[in-house]
């Protein structure tokens, strides 16, 4: 099948793609962009489409994955990291005088609350916090991977319960 013939075939699904794009993006312009990206990827990968299979399903998958990738890309672009060297006031002793005492009280309270949680939860959590992978933690404690994930999840929940009064 030629590219022109394949293009006509997928163009017949415009209404379906338009409805789906509007559901995903909620805006006409963004929906049109998503449809164009979907058409482009479909034409680019036409050799991966098996003739006689579900074209709508194939286009749906392309559109959904394109939408998710665009969403992730936009979310990551909104992350701001300040790497300027002009942080004199922030790092000066003047700036930290007022909060030093309060920070010690808060840290002491926080550490007491965390220490009151069962050790097997917090040990796994702090290893994960320090950068260990789930598999490394499981190997260290000689426990299943699912148990590690469960302990870390439960440690977070217990910490949120214990420190709920500091959240607001």
Protein backbone atom coordinates (compact mmCIF):
# COMPACT_ATOMS: atom_id res chain seq x y z
CA UNK A 1 0.00 0.00 0.00
CA UNK A 2 1.41 3.39 -0.97
CA UNK A 3 1.78 6.26 1.46
CA UNK A 4 -0.98 8.20 -0.33
CA UNK A 5 -3.39 5.28 -0.04
CA UNK A 6 -2.50 4.78 3.61
CA UNK A 7 -2.97 8.52 4.21
CA UNK A 8 -6.48 8.35 2.75
CA UNK A 9 -7.23 5.33 4.92
CA UNK A 10 -6.24 7.04 8.16
CA UNK A 11 -7.90 10.30 7.08
CA UNK A 12 -11.25 8.48 7.18
CA UNK A 13 -10.78 8.18 10.96
CA UNK A 14 -10.59 11.96 11.47
CA UNK A 15 -13.87 12.22 13.40
CA UNK A 16 -12.85 9.43 15.76
CA UNK A 17 -9.43 11.01 16.33
CA UNK A 18 -10.96 14.47 16.80
CA UNK A 19 -13.34 13.23 19.50
CA UNK A 20 -10.54 11.40 21.28
CA UNK A 21 -8.17 14.37 21.04
CA UNK A 22 -10.82 16.71 22.47
CA UNK A 23 -11.38 14.33 25.39
CA UNK A 24 -7.67 14.24 26.11
CA UNK A 25 -6.72 17.89 25.63
CA UNK A 26 -9.99 19.78 26.28
CA UNK A 27 -8.85 22.52 23.85
CA UNK A 28 -9.42 22.77 20.09
CA UNK A 29 -5.91 23.97 19.17
CA UNK A 30 -4.19 21.34 21.29
CA UNK A 31 -6.51 18.68 19.85
CA UNK A 32 -5.58 19.69 16.30
CA UNK A 33 -1.88 19.52 17.17
CA UNK A 34 -2.36 16.08 18.69
CA UNK A 35 -4.21 14.86 15.59
CA UNK A 36 -1.40 16.15 13.36
CA UNK A 37 1.23 14.41 15.51
CA UNK A 38 -0.81 11.22 15.34
CA UNK A 39 -1.10 11.41 11.53
CA UNK A 40 2.62 12.08 11.23
CA UNK A 41 3.58 9.12 13.43
CA UNK A 42 1.07 6.83 11.70
CA UNK A 43 2.46 7.72 8.26
CA UNK A 44 6.02 7.42 9.47
CA UNK A 45 5.31 3.95 10.88
CA UNK A 46 2.90 2.70 8.22
CA UNK A 47 5.09 -0.36 7.65
CA UNK A 48 4.35 -1.45 11.24
CA UNK A 49 0.61 -1.53 10.61
CA UNK A 50 -0.66 -4.97 9.62
CA UNK A 51 -3.31 -4.67 6.89
CA UNK A 52 -6.62 -6.13 8.01
CA UNK A 53 -6.14 -5.34 11.70
CA UNK A 54 -7.94 -2.72 13.78
CA UNK A 55 -6.86 0.67 12.37
CA UNK A 56 -8.83 2.64 14.99
CA UNK A 57 -7.14 0.75 17.80
CA UNK A 58 -3.72 1.35 16.27
CA UNK A 59 -4.39 5.09 15.84
CA UNK A 60 -5.86 5.27 19.35
CA UNK A 61 -2.66 3.80 20.81
CA UNK A 62 -0.49 6.23 18.84
CA UNK A 63 -2.58 9.22 19.97
CA UNK A 64 -2.71 8.14 23.60
CA UNK A 65 1.05 7.55 23.77
CA UNK A 66 1.76 10.86 22.01
CA UNK A 67 -0.48 12.70 24.48
CA UNK A 68 1.24 11.05 27.47
CA UNK A 69 4.72 11.82 26.12
CA UNK A 70 3.79 15.45 25.44
CA UNK A 71 2.31 15.78 28.93
CA UNK A 72 5.47 14.41 30.54
CA UNK A 73 7.66 16.67 28.42
CA UNK A 74 5.65 19.77 29.41
CA UNK A 75 5.65 18.76 33.08
CA UNK A 76 9.43 18.36 33.06
CA UNK A 77 9.90 21.69 31.26
CA UNK A 78 8.08 23.45 34.10
CA UNK A 79 10.72 22.32 36.59
CA UNK A 80 12.90 25.27 37.56
CA UNK A 81 16.38 24.86 38.95
CA UNK A 82 18.19 27.98 40.13
CA UNK A 83 21.91 27.48 39.60
CA UNK A 84 22.99 31.11 40.04
CA UNK A 85 26.02 32.01 42.08
CA UNK A 86 24.37 35.11 43.56
CA UNK A 87 23.03 33.41 46.68
CA UNK A 88 24.99 35.51 49.15
CA UNK A 89 22.04 36.52 51.28
CA UNK A 90 20.49 33.06 51.27
CA UNK A 91 23.72 31.47 52.46
CA UNK A 92 24.79 34.25 54.81
CA UNK A 93 24.66 34.01 58.59
CA UNK A 94 22.30 37.00 58.63
CA UNK A 95 19.60 35.10 56.78
CA UNK A 96 19.75 32.03 58.98
CA UNK A 97 19.80 33.73 62.42
CA UNK A 98 16.04 33.97 62.80
CA UNK A 99 15.22 30.39 61.90
CA UNK A 100 18.11 28.54 63.54
CA UNK A 101 16.42 27.98 66.91
CA UNK A 102 13.06 27.09 65.40
CA UNK A 103 14.72 24.65 63.02
CA UNK A 104 16.38 22.79 65.90
CA UNK A 105 13.08 22.40 67.75
CA UNK A 106 11.33 21.23 64.58
CA UNK A 107 14.12 18.81 63.69
CA UNK A 108 14.12 17.35 67.19
CA UNK A 109 10.35 16.92 67.12
CA UNK A 110 10.47 15.41 63.63
CA UNK A 111 13.23 12.96 64.57
CA UNK A 112 11.32 11.88 67.69
CA UNK A 113 8.21 11.23 65.62
CA UNK A 114 10.18 9.26 63.03
CA UNK A 115 11.97 7.27 65.75
CA UNK A 116 8.60 6.18 67.11
CA UNK A 117 7.88 4.30 63.83
CA UNK A 118 8.88 0.63 63.68
CA UNK A 119 12.52 0.26 62.64
CA UNK A 120 11.95 -2.21 59.81
CA UNK A 121 9.88 0.46 58.03
CA UNK A 122 12.24 3.37 58.57
CA UNK A 123 15.41 1.41 57.78
CA UNK A 124 14.11 0.49 54.33
CA UNK A 125 12.80 4.04 53.80
CA UNK A 126 16.08 5.73 54.70
CA UNK A 127 18.10 3.37 52.51
CA UNK A 128 15.79 4.31 49.62
CA UNK A 129 16.11 7.98 50.56
CA UNK A 130 19.90 7.66 50.46
CA UNK A 131 19.70 6.39 46.88
CA UNK A 132 19.68 2.61 47.22
CA UNK A 133 17.54 0.78 44.68
CA UNK A 134 14.71 -1.49 45.78
CA UNK A 135 16.68 -4.56 44.69
CA UNK A 136 19.70 -3.51 46.77
CA UNK A 137 17.54 -2.97 49.85
CA UNK A 138 15.88 -6.37 49.38
CA UNK A 139 19.28 -8.02 49.11
CA UNK A 140 20.61 -6.14 52.16
CA UNK A 141 17.72 -7.24 54.40
CA UNK A 142 17.27 -10.60 52.63
CA UNK A 143 13.57 -9.94 52.03
CA UNK A 144 11.38 -10.05 48.89
CA UNK A 145 11.21 -7.01 46.60
CA UNK A 146 7.48 -6.57 47.27
CA UNK A 147 8.15 -6.38 51.00
CA UNK A 148 10.67 -3.59 50.43
CA UNK A 149 8.18 -1.58 48.38
CA UNK A 150 5.48 -2.18 50.97
CA UNK A 151 7.72 -1.09 53.85
CA UNK A 152 8.75 2.10 52.09
CA UNK A 153 5.14 2.92 51.23
CA UNK A 154 3.99 2.23 54.80
CA UNK A 155 6.89 4.25 56.23
CA UNK A 156 5.76 7.25 54.17
CA UNK A 157 2.18 6.82 55.34
CA UNK A 158 3.19 6.52 58.98
CA UNK A 159 5.43 9.58 58.72
CA UNK A 160 2.60 11.60 57.19
CA UNK A 161 0.31 10.53 60.02
CA UNK A 162 2.86 11.37 62.72
CA UNK A 163 3.88 14.67 61.12
CA UNK A 164 0.46 15.72 59.85
CA UNK A 165 0.34 18.67 62.23
CA UNK A 166 3.45 20.19 60.58
CA UNK A 167 2.14 19.96 57.03
CA UNK A 168 0.13 23.20 57.10
